[in-house]
């Protein structure tokens, strides 16, 4: 099973459970755990594939969540 995280187009500090953003201070990708809602930057351990699939399986540092995640609309241009 793959859990799809919805894209948020504003500051990553506003993420709620199950969302992701690339509007971060680090310039990387931040995800919000679908279970506990804690926000974390994806570190070098993870690679985002074309289409948004994150590899390897993502493990939340704050809770027992362990699953494949996919970033909705990853790599698609943002029209502002």
N, C-alpha and C. Protein backbone atom coordinates (compact mmCIF):
# COMPACT_ATOMS: atom_id res chain seq x y z
N UNK A 1 0.84 -1.18 0.00
CA UNK A 1 0.00 0.00 0.00
C UNK A 1 0.89 1.25 0.00
N UNK A 2 0.48 2.25 -0.76
CA UNK A 2 1.19 3.51 -0.83
C UNK A 2 0.28 4.60 -0.30
N UNK A 3 0.79 5.45 0.59
CA UNK A 3 0.03 6.56 1.13
C UNK A 3 0.43 7.81 0.34
N UNK A 4 -0.55 8.47 -0.28
CA UNK A 4 -0.29 9.68 -1.06
C UNK A 4 -0.46 10.90 -0.18
N UNK A 5 0.59 11.72 -0.14
CA UNK A 5 0.54 12.98 0.62
C UNK A 5 0.15 14.11 -0.33
N UNK A 6 -0.78 14.93 0.09
CA UNK A 6 -1.27 16.03 -0.73
C UNK A 6 -0.29 17.21 -0.69
N UNK A 7 -0.16 17.87 -1.83
CA UNK A 7 0.75 19.01 -1.94
C UNK A 7 0.16 20.27 -1.33
N UNK A 8 0.94 20.97 -0.53
CA UNK A 8 0.55 22.26 0.03
C UNK A 8 1.48 23.30 -0.57
N UNK A 9 0.92 24.37 -1.12
CA UNK A 9 1.72 25.35 -1.84
C UNK A 9 2.18 26.52 -0.98
N UNK A 10 2.07 26.40 0.32
CA UNK A 10 2.54 27.47 1.20
C UNK A 10 3.61 26.92 2.14
N UNK A 11 4.04 27.74 3.05
CA UNK A 11 5.09 27.43 4.02
C UNK A 11 4.88 26.05 4.66
N UNK A 12 5.95 25.27 4.68
CA UNK A 12 5.89 23.92 5.23
C UNK A 12 5.48 23.88 6.70
N UNK A 13 5.66 24.99 7.41
CA UNK A 13 5.26 25.01 8.83
C UNK A 13 3.75 24.93 8.99
N UNK A 14 3.00 25.10 7.91
CA UNK A 14 1.54 25.04 7.95
C UNK A 14 0.98 23.67 7.57
N UNK A 15 1.84 22.70 7.39
CA UNK A 15 1.38 21.37 7.00
C UNK A 15 0.50 20.75 8.08
N UNK A 16 -0.49 20.01 7.61
CA UNK A 16 -1.29 19.17 8.51
C UNK A 16 -1.06 17.73 8.10
N UNK A 17 -1.54 16.80 8.88
CA UNK A 17 -1.29 15.38 8.65
C UNK A 17 -1.59 14.98 7.20
N UNK A 18 -0.60 14.32 6.57
CA UNK A 18 -0.78 13.80 5.23
C UNK A 18 -0.52 14.80 4.12
N UNK A 19 0.25 15.85 4.40
CA UNK A 19 0.59 16.84 3.37
C UNK A 19 2.10 16.95 3.22
N UNK A 20 2.53 17.56 2.11
CA UNK A 20 3.95 17.82 1.88
C UNK A 20 4.11 19.18 1.23
N UNK A 21 5.32 19.74 1.33
CA UNK A 21 5.61 21.04 0.74
C UNK A 21 7.09 21.12 0.41
N UNK A 22 7.41 21.90 -0.63
CA UNK A 22 8.81 22.18 -0.92
C UNK A 22 9.13 23.64 -0.63
N UNK A 23 8.21 24.31 0.08
CA UNK A 23 8.43 25.69 0.51
C UNK A 23 9.03 25.63 1.92
N UNK A 24 10.33 25.30 1.96
CA UNK A 24 11.02 25.10 3.23
C UNK A 24 12.24 26.01 3.31
N UNK A 25 12.72 26.25 4.51
CA UNK A 25 13.93 27.04 4.68
C UNK A 25 15.15 26.33 4.10
N UNK A 26 15.14 25.01 4.15
CA UNK A 26 16.28 24.23 3.65
C UNK A 26 16.27 24.10 2.14
N UNK A 27 15.13 24.38 1.50
CA UNK A 27 15.02 24.22 0.06
C UNK A 27 14.69 22.80 -0.35
N UNK A 28 14.53 21.92 0.63
CA UNK A 28 14.19 20.53 0.36
C UNK A 28 12.70 20.29 0.48
N UNK A 29 12.35 19.05 0.71
CA UNK A 29 10.96 18.63 0.84
C UNK A 29 10.65 18.34 2.31
N UNK A 30 9.51 18.84 2.77
CA UNK A 30 9.03 18.53 4.12
C UNK A 30 7.75 17.73 4.00
N UNK A 31 7.59 16.75 4.88
CA UNK A 31 6.38 15.93 4.90
C UNK A 31 5.78 15.97 6.30
N UNK A 32 4.46 15.80 6.34
CA UNK A 32 3.76 15.70 7.61
C UNK A 32 3.23 14.28 7.73
N UNK A 33 3.59 13.61 8.79
CA UNK A 33 3.19 12.21 8.98
C UNK A 33 1.67 12.07 8.90
N UNK A 34 1.19 11.12 8.11
CA UNK A 34 -0.26 10.91 8.00
C UNK A 34 -0.91 10.46 9.32
N UNK A 35 -0.13 9.88 10.22
CA UNK A 35 -0.69 9.41 11.50
C UNK A 35 -0.63 10.46 12.60
N UNK A 36 0.56 10.97 12.89
CA UNK A 36 0.70 11.87 14.04
C UNK A 36 0.73 13.35 13.67
N UNK A 37 0.95 13.68 12.39
CA UNK A 37 0.94 15.07 11.95
C UNK A 37 2.23 15.83 12.18
N UNK A 38 3.25 15.20 12.76
CA UNK A 38 4.54 15.88 12.96
C UNK A 38 5.18 16.16 11.59
N UNK A 39 5.94 17.25 11.50
CA UNK A 39 6.53 17.69 10.25
C UNK A 39 8.04 17.43 10.27
N UNK A 40 8.54 16.85 9.17
CA UNK A 40 9.95 16.53 9.05
C UNK A 40 10.44 16.82 7.65
N UNK A 41 11.69 17.30 7.55
CA UNK A 41 12.34 17.40 6.24
C UNK A 41 12.78 16.00 5.83
N UNK A 42 12.64 15.69 4.55
CA UNK A 42 13.18 14.43 4.05
C UNK A 42 14.70 14.59 4.00
N UNK A 43 15.42 13.70 4.65
CA UNK A 43 16.87 13.81 4.66
C UNK A 43 17.48 13.01 3.49
N UNK A 44 18.79 12.93 3.47
CA UNK A 44 19.50 12.25 2.39
C UNK A 44 19.25 10.75 2.33
N UNK A 45 18.62 10.21 3.35
CA UNK A 45 18.29 8.78 3.36
C UNK A 45 17.25 8.46 2.29
N UNK A 46 16.44 9.46 1.95
CA UNK A 46 15.31 9.25 1.03
C UNK A 46 15.54 9.90 -0.32
N UNK A 47 15.00 9.27 -1.33
CA UNK A 47 15.07 9.78 -2.70
C UNK A 47 13.65 9.86 -3.23
N UNK A 48 13.32 10.98 -3.86
CA UNK A 48 12.01 11.14 -4.47
C UNK A 48 12.15 10.83 -5.95
N UNK A 49 11.47 9.80 -6.39
CA UNK A 49 11.52 9.35 -7.78
C UNK A 49 10.62 10.22 -8.64
N UNK A 50 10.84 10.23 -9.97
CA UNK A 50 9.89 10.92 -10.84
C UNK A 50 8.48 10.36 -10.58
N UNK A 51 7.52 11.23 -10.51
CA UNK A 51 6.16 10.81 -10.17
C UNK A 51 5.86 10.93 -8.69
N UNK A 52 6.91 11.18 -7.87
CA UNK A 52 6.68 11.46 -6.46
C UNK A 52 6.86 10.32 -5.48
N UNK A 53 7.14 9.11 -5.93
CA UNK A 53 7.33 7.99 -5.00
C UNK A 53 8.61 8.19 -4.20
N UNK A 54 8.53 8.03 -2.90
CA UNK A 54 9.68 8.18 -2.01
C UNK A 54 10.26 6.79 -1.73
N UNK A 55 11.57 6.70 -1.85
CA UNK A 55 12.24 5.43 -1.62
C UNK A 55 13.40 5.66 -0.66
N UNK A 56 13.66 4.79 0.28
CA UNK A 56 12.92 3.58 0.65
C UNK A 56 11.65 3.90 1.45
N UNK A 57 11.08 2.89 2.05
CA UNK A 57 9.89 3.06 2.89
C UNK A 57 10.17 4.15 3.92
N UNK A 58 9.20 5.07 4.09
CA UNK A 58 9.39 6.18 5.03
C UNK A 58 8.96 5.77 6.42
N UNK A 59 9.80 6.09 7.39
CA UNK A 59 9.55 5.80 8.79
C UNK A 59 9.46 7.11 9.56
N UNK A 60 8.33 7.36 10.21
CA UNK A 60 8.17 8.59 10.99
C UNK A 60 9.04 8.51 12.24
N UNK A 61 9.85 9.54 12.47
CA UNK A 61 10.69 9.55 13.67
C UNK A 61 9.92 9.74 14.98
N UNK A 62 8.64 10.16 14.89
CA UNK A 62 7.87 10.48 16.10
C UNK A 62 6.83 9.44 16.49
N UNK A 63 6.50 8.54 15.56
CA UNK A 63 5.46 7.54 15.86
C UNK A 63 5.76 6.25 15.08
N UNK A 64 4.95 5.22 15.23
CA UNK A 64 5.23 3.95 14.58
C UNK A 64 4.93 3.89 13.07
N UNK A 65 4.49 4.99 12.45
CA UNK A 65 4.14 4.95 11.03
C UNK A 65 5.34 4.50 10.19
N UNK A 66 5.12 3.49 9.35
CA UNK A 66 6.13 2.94 8.46
C UNK A 66 5.42 2.47 7.21
N UNK A 67 5.63 3.19 6.08
CA UNK A 67 4.92 2.84 4.86
C UNK A 67 5.56 3.54 3.68
N UNK A 68 5.23 3.08 2.48
CA UNK A 68 5.63 3.80 1.28
C UNK A 68 4.78 5.05 1.19
N UNK A 69 5.42 6.17 0.80
CA UNK A 69 4.66 7.41 0.59
C UNK A 69 4.93 7.91 -0.82
N UNK A 70 3.96 8.67 -1.32
CA UNK A 70 4.07 9.29 -2.64
C UNK A 70 3.66 10.74 -2.49
N UNK A 71 4.40 11.63 -3.14
CA UNK A 71 4.13 13.06 -3.05
C UNK A 71 3.28 13.48 -4.25
N UNK A 72 2.03 13.83 -3.98
CA UNK A 72 1.11 14.25 -5.03
C UNK A 72 1.69 15.45 -5.79
N UNK A 73 1.63 15.41 -7.12
CA UNK A 73 2.03 16.51 -8.00
C UNK A 73 3.50 16.88 -7.87
N UNK A 74 4.36 15.96 -7.42
CA UNK A 74 5.78 16.23 -7.29
C UNK A 74 6.37 16.48 -8.68
N UNK A 75 7.16 17.55 -8.80
CA UNK A 75 7.81 17.86 -10.06
C UNK A 75 6.95 18.65 -11.03
N UNK A 76 5.67 18.82 -10.71
CA UNK A 76 4.80 19.60 -11.59
C UNK A 76 5.02 21.09 -11.32
N UNK A 77 4.99 21.90 -12.37
CA UNK A 77 5.21 23.33 -12.17
C UNK A 77 4.09 23.97 -11.35
N UNK A 78 4.46 24.97 -10.58
CA UNK A 78 3.49 25.71 -9.78
C UNK A 78 3.16 27.02 -10.50
N UNK A 79 1.91 27.21 -10.80
CA UNK A 79 1.48 28.45 -11.45
C UNK A 79 1.01 29.40 -10.38
N UNK A 80 1.66 30.53 -10.26
CA UNK A 80 1.30 31.49 -9.22
C UNK A 80 0.82 32.77 -9.85
